């Protein structure tokens, strides 16, 4: 039986997904998925395999800003224009 983090990693090896996508497919709340993603990213980095944990950063839907400090987190609003219309980051393991 796989752990939650193993299931998240396997899902991300199949293709990109947001935390909401992962939460829905694994029946987990989105904030819990973000906690697991931090650990999954470290595990992939420490594994020594030829894999990378990649993040497509969140992007403001109003001004296009995508330079968020912590891409493995869901920002509540844009630091540039203060809009709350910020897309979710997407994650993948390749």
N, C-alpha and C. Protein backbone atom coordinates (compact mmCIF):
# COMPACT_ATOMS: atom_id res chain seq x y z
N UNK A 1 0.84 -1.18 0.00
CA UNK A 1 0.00 0.00 0.00
C UNK A 1 0.89 1.25 0.00
N UNK A 2 0.60 2.19 -0.89
CA UNK A 2 1.40 3.40 -1.01
C UNK A 2 0.97 4.47 0.00
N UNK A 3 1.95 5.27 0.39
CA UNK A 3 1.64 6.41 1.26
C UNK A 3 1.03 7.53 0.41
N UNK A 4 0.48 8.51 1.07
CA UNK A 4 -0.10 9.66 0.36
C UNK A 4 0.96 10.35 -0.48
N UNK A 5 2.14 10.53 0.06
CA UNK A 5 3.21 11.20 -0.68
C UNK A 5 3.65 10.39 -1.89
N UNK A 6 3.67 9.08 -1.75
CA UNK A 6 4.01 8.23 -2.89
C UNK A 6 2.94 8.34 -3.98
N UNK A 7 1.67 8.41 -3.58
CA UNK A 7 0.59 8.54 -4.55
C UNK A 7 0.66 9.90 -5.25
N UNK A 8 1.00 10.95 -4.50
CA UNK A 8 1.16 12.27 -5.11
C UNK A 8 2.31 12.25 -6.12
N UNK A 9 3.43 11.68 -5.74
CA UNK A 9 4.58 11.60 -6.64
C UNK A 9 4.24 10.81 -7.89
N UNK A 10 3.56 9.70 -7.76
CA UNK A 10 3.19 8.90 -8.92
C UNK A 10 2.26 9.68 -9.85
N UNK A 11 1.32 10.41 -9.27
CA UNK A 11 0.41 11.23 -10.07
C UNK A 11 1.17 12.31 -10.83
N UNK A 12 2.15 12.93 -10.17
CA UNK A 12 2.94 13.98 -10.82
C UNK A 12 3.89 13.43 -11.88
N UNK A 13 4.24 12.18 -11.78
CA UNK A 13 5.07 11.55 -12.82
C UNK A 13 4.24 11.32 -14.10
N UNK A 14 2.93 11.24 -13.95
CA UNK A 14 2.04 11.03 -15.10
C UNK A 14 1.79 12.32 -15.87
N UNK A 15 1.94 13.47 -15.19
CA UNK A 15 1.72 14.75 -15.85
C UNK A 15 1.48 15.84 -14.84
N UNK A 16 1.43 17.10 -15.30
CA UNK A 16 1.25 18.24 -14.41
C UNK A 16 -0.10 18.22 -13.70
N UNK A 17 -0.11 18.75 -12.49
CA UNK A 17 -1.35 18.86 -11.72
C UNK A 17 -1.21 19.99 -10.72
N UNK A 18 -2.33 20.61 -10.40
CA UNK A 18 -2.36 21.62 -9.35
C UNK A 18 -2.68 20.94 -8.03
N UNK A 19 -2.53 21.67 -6.94
CA UNK A 19 -2.86 21.11 -5.63
C UNK A 19 -4.35 20.77 -5.56
N UNK A 20 -5.18 21.58 -6.19
CA UNK A 20 -6.62 21.29 -6.21
C UNK A 20 -6.90 20.00 -6.96
N UNK A 21 -6.22 19.80 -8.10
CA UNK A 21 -6.37 18.57 -8.86
C UNK A 21 -6.00 17.36 -8.01
N UNK A 22 -4.85 17.47 -7.34
CA UNK A 22 -4.37 16.36 -6.51
C UNK A 22 -5.32 16.11 -5.34
N UNK A 23 -5.78 17.17 -4.72
CA UNK A 23 -6.71 17.04 -3.60
C UNK A 23 -7.99 16.34 -4.01
N UNK A 24 -8.49 16.71 -5.18
CA UNK A 24 -9.72 16.10 -5.67
C UNK A 24 -9.52 14.62 -5.98
N UNK A 25 -8.43 14.28 -6.66
CA UNK A 25 -8.20 12.89 -7.04
C UNK A 25 -7.83 12.00 -5.85
N UNK A 26 -7.23 12.59 -4.81
CA UNK A 26 -6.81 11.80 -3.65
C UNK A 26 -7.70 12.02 -2.42
N UNK A 27 -8.76 12.79 -2.58
CA UNK A 27 -9.69 13.10 -1.49
C UNK A 27 -8.99 13.72 -0.28
N UNK A 28 -8.20 14.76 -0.57
CA UNK A 28 -7.47 15.49 0.47
C UNK A 28 -7.79 16.97 0.36
N UNK A 29 -7.81 17.68 1.50
CA UNK A 29 -7.96 19.14 1.43
C UNK A 29 -6.72 19.77 0.79
N UNK A 30 -6.93 20.82 0.02
CA UNK A 30 -5.83 21.48 -0.70
C UNK A 30 -4.68 21.90 0.23
N UNK A 31 -4.94 22.49 1.42
CA UNK A 31 -3.80 22.86 2.29
C UNK A 31 -2.95 21.65 2.69
N UNK A 32 -3.57 20.51 2.86
CA UNK A 32 -2.82 19.29 3.21
C UNK A 32 -1.95 18.86 2.03
N UNK A 33 -2.48 19.01 0.83
CA UNK A 33 -1.71 18.65 -0.37
C UNK A 33 -0.44 19.51 -0.45
N UNK A 34 -0.56 20.81 -0.16
CA UNK A 34 0.62 21.68 -0.18
C UNK A 34 1.68 21.23 0.82
N UNK A 35 1.26 20.78 1.99
CA UNK A 35 2.22 20.26 2.98
C UNK A 35 2.95 19.04 2.42
N UNK A 36 2.21 18.14 1.80
CA UNK A 36 2.82 16.94 1.22
C UNK A 36 3.74 17.31 0.05
N UNK A 37 3.35 18.29 -0.75
CA UNK A 37 4.16 18.68 -1.90
C UNK A 37 5.55 19.17 -1.48
N UNK A 38 5.63 19.87 -0.38
CA UNK A 38 6.94 20.32 0.10
C UNK A 38 7.84 19.12 0.38
N UNK A 39 7.30 18.09 1.00
CA UNK A 39 8.07 16.89 1.31
C UNK A 39 8.41 16.11 0.04
N UNK A 40 7.46 16.02 -0.88
CA UNK A 40 7.70 15.32 -2.14
C UNK A 40 8.83 16.02 -2.90
N UNK A 41 8.83 17.34 -2.93
CA UNK A 41 9.88 18.06 -3.66
C UNK A 41 11.26 17.78 -3.06
N UNK A 42 11.33 17.73 -1.74
CA UNK A 42 12.61 17.42 -1.09
C UNK A 42 13.03 15.98 -1.35
N UNK A 43 12.09 15.07 -1.33
CA UNK A 43 12.40 13.65 -1.57
C UNK A 43 12.95 13.44 -2.97
N UNK A 44 12.34 14.10 -3.94
CA UNK A 44 12.81 13.97 -5.32
C UNK A 44 14.22 14.54 -5.44
N UNK A 45 14.47 15.68 -4.80
CA UNK A 45 15.80 16.31 -4.86
C UNK A 45 16.85 15.45 -4.16
N UNK A 46 16.48 14.82 -3.06
CA UNK A 46 17.44 14.02 -2.28
C UNK A 46 17.62 12.61 -2.82
N UNK A 47 16.72 12.19 -3.70
CA UNK A 47 16.72 10.82 -4.19
C UNK A 47 17.95 10.48 -5.04
N UNK A 48 18.50 11.46 -5.73
CA UNK A 48 19.66 11.20 -6.57
C UNK A 48 19.31 10.61 -7.91
N UNK A 49 18.03 10.39 -8.17
CA UNK A 49 17.60 9.87 -9.47
C UNK A 49 17.66 10.98 -10.51
N UNK A 50 17.38 10.63 -11.73
CA UNK A 50 17.39 11.61 -12.81
C UNK A 50 16.04 12.32 -12.94
N UNK A 51 15.40 12.57 -11.81
CA UNK A 51 14.10 13.22 -11.82
C UNK A 51 14.21 14.62 -11.23
N UNK A 52 13.29 15.48 -11.66
CA UNK A 52 13.21 16.82 -11.12
C UNK A 52 11.77 17.12 -10.72
N UNK A 53 11.60 17.83 -9.64
CA UNK A 53 10.29 18.34 -9.22
C UNK A 53 10.20 19.75 -9.78
N UNK A 54 9.32 19.94 -10.75
CA UNK A 54 9.21 21.23 -11.43
C UNK A 54 7.91 21.93 -11.05
N UNK A 55 7.97 23.24 -10.99
CA UNK A 55 6.81 24.04 -10.62
C UNK A 55 6.58 25.12 -11.68
N UNK A 56 5.37 25.15 -12.22
CA UNK A 56 4.94 26.28 -13.05
C UNK A 56 4.34 27.27 -12.06
N UNK A 57 4.98 28.42 -11.84
CA UNK A 57 4.56 29.32 -10.76
C UNK A 57 3.14 29.85 -10.97
N UNK A 58 2.52 30.26 -9.86
CA UNK A 58 1.21 30.90 -10.00
C UNK A 58 1.35 32.19 -10.80
N UNK A 59 0.27 32.59 -11.43
CA UNK A 59 0.31 33.81 -12.23
C UNK A 59 -0.93 34.64 -11.94
N UNK A 60 -0.73 35.93 -11.80
CA UNK A 60 -1.84 36.86 -11.60
C UNK A 60 -2.61 36.95 -12.91
N UNK A 61 -3.92 36.75 -12.83
CA UNK A 61 -4.75 36.81 -14.03
C UNK A 61 -5.02 38.25 -14.48
N UNK A 62 -4.72 39.22 -13.62
CA UNK A 62 -4.96 40.61 -13.98
C UNK A 62 -3.72 41.28 -14.59
N UNK A 63 -2.56 41.12 -13.96
CA UNK A 63 -1.37 41.82 -14.45
C UNK A 63 -0.30 40.88 -15.02
N UNK A 64 -0.44 39.57 -14.83
CA UNK A 64 0.52 38.62 -15.39
C UNK A 64 1.74 38.36 -14.51
N UNK A 65 1.81 38.96 -13.33
CA UNK A 65 2.95 38.76 -12.44
C UNK A 65 3.10 37.28 -12.09
N UNK A 66 4.34 36.76 -12.17
CA UNK A 66 4.58 35.36 -11.83
C UNK A 66 5.86 35.17 -11.00
N UNK A 67 6.35 36.22 -10.36
CA UNK A 67 7.59 36.15 -9.59
C UNK A 67 7.36 35.93 -8.11
N UNK A 68 6.46 35.03 -7.77
CA UNK A 68 6.15 34.78 -6.36
C UNK A 68 7.34 34.15 -5.66
N UNK A 69 7.55 34.51 -4.39
CA UNK A 69 8.68 34.04 -3.60
C UNK A 69 8.66 32.53 -3.37
N UNK A 70 7.49 31.99 -3.06
CA UNK A 70 7.36 30.57 -2.73
C UNK A 70 6.38 29.92 -3.68
N UNK A 71 6.86 29.34 -4.79
CA UNK A 71 5.94 28.76 -5.75
C UNK A 71 5.24 27.49 -5.25
N UNK A 72 5.73 26.87 -4.19
CA UNK A 72 5.06 25.69 -3.64
C UNK A 72 4.12 26.17 -2.53
N UNK A 73 3.28 27.10 -2.90
CA UNK A 73 2.31 27.68 -1.98
C UNK A 73 1.27 28.39 -2.83
N UNK A 74 0.06 28.48 -2.32
CA UNK A 74 -0.98 29.18 -3.06
C UNK A 74 -1.12 30.59 -2.51
N UNK A 75 -0.67 31.59 -3.28
CA UNK A 75 -0.77 32.97 -2.79
C UNK A 75 -2.22 33.43 -2.78
N UNK A 76 -2.54 34.30 -1.83
CA UNK A 76 -3.91 34.79 -1.74
C UNK A 76 -4.14 36.00 -2.64
N UNK A 77 -3.07 36.76 -2.90
CA UNK A 77 -3.21 37.90 -3.80
C UNK A 77 -1.87 38.28 -4.41
N UNK A 78 -1.94 39.05 -5.45
CA UNK A 78 -0.75 39.47 -6.18
C UNK A 78 -0.04 40.60 -5.44
N UNK A 79 1.28 40.49 -5.25
CA UNK A 79 2.02 41.57 -4.58
C UNK A 79 2.16 42.83 -5.44
N UNK A 80 2.00 42.69 -6.75
CA UNK A 80 2.14 43.84 -7.65
C UNK A 80 0.87 44.68 -7.71
N UNK A 81 -0.26 44.04 -8.06
CA UNK A 81 -1.49 44.81 -8.28
C UNK A 81 -2.55 44.55 -7.20
N UNK A 82 -2.23 43.68 -6.25
CA UNK A 82 -3.12 43.35 -5.12
C UNK A 82 -4.38 42.60 -5.52
N UNK A 83 -4.45 42.12 -6.74
CA UNK A 83 -5.60 41.35 -7.20
C UNK A 83 -5.64 40.00 -6.50
N UNK A 84 -6.81 39.48 -6.28
CA UNK A 84 -6.97 38.14 -5.70
C UNK A 84 -7.21 37.10 -6.78
N UNK A 85 -7.11 37.50 -8.02
CA UNK A 85 -7.29 36.59 -9.15
C UNK A 85 -5.95 35.97 -9.53
N UNK A 86 -5.46 35.10 -8.68
CA UNK A 86 -4.16 34.45 -8.89
C UNK A 86 -4.40 32.97 -9.15
N UNK A 87 -3.84 32.49 -10.26
CA UNK A 87 -3.97 31.07 -10.60
C UNK A 87 -3.11 30.21 -9.70
N UNK A 88 -3.41 28.94 -9.68
CA UNK A 88 -2.64 27.99 -8.86
C UNK A 88 -1.35 27.58 -9.57
N UNK A 89 -0.32 27.28 -8.81
CA UNK A 89 0.86 26.70 -9.42
C UNK A 89 0.56 25.27 -9.87
N UNK A 90 1.29 24.82 -10.87
CA UNK A 90 1.16 23.44 -11.33
C UNK A 90 2.48 22.73 -11.07
N UNK A 91 2.41 21.45 -10.76
CA UNK A 91 3.58 20.66 -10.37
C UNK A 91 3.70 19.45 -11.28
N UNK A 92 4.94 19.00 -11.50
CA UNK A 92 5.20 17.79 -12.28
C UNK A 92 6.55 17.23 -11.86
N UNK A 93 6.69 15.93 -11.98
CA UNK A 93 7.98 15.27 -11.77
C UNK A 93 8.40 14.68 -13.10
N UNK A 94 9.59 15.08 -13.56
CA UNK A 94 10.11 14.57 -14.85
C UNK A 94 11.49 14.04 -14.67
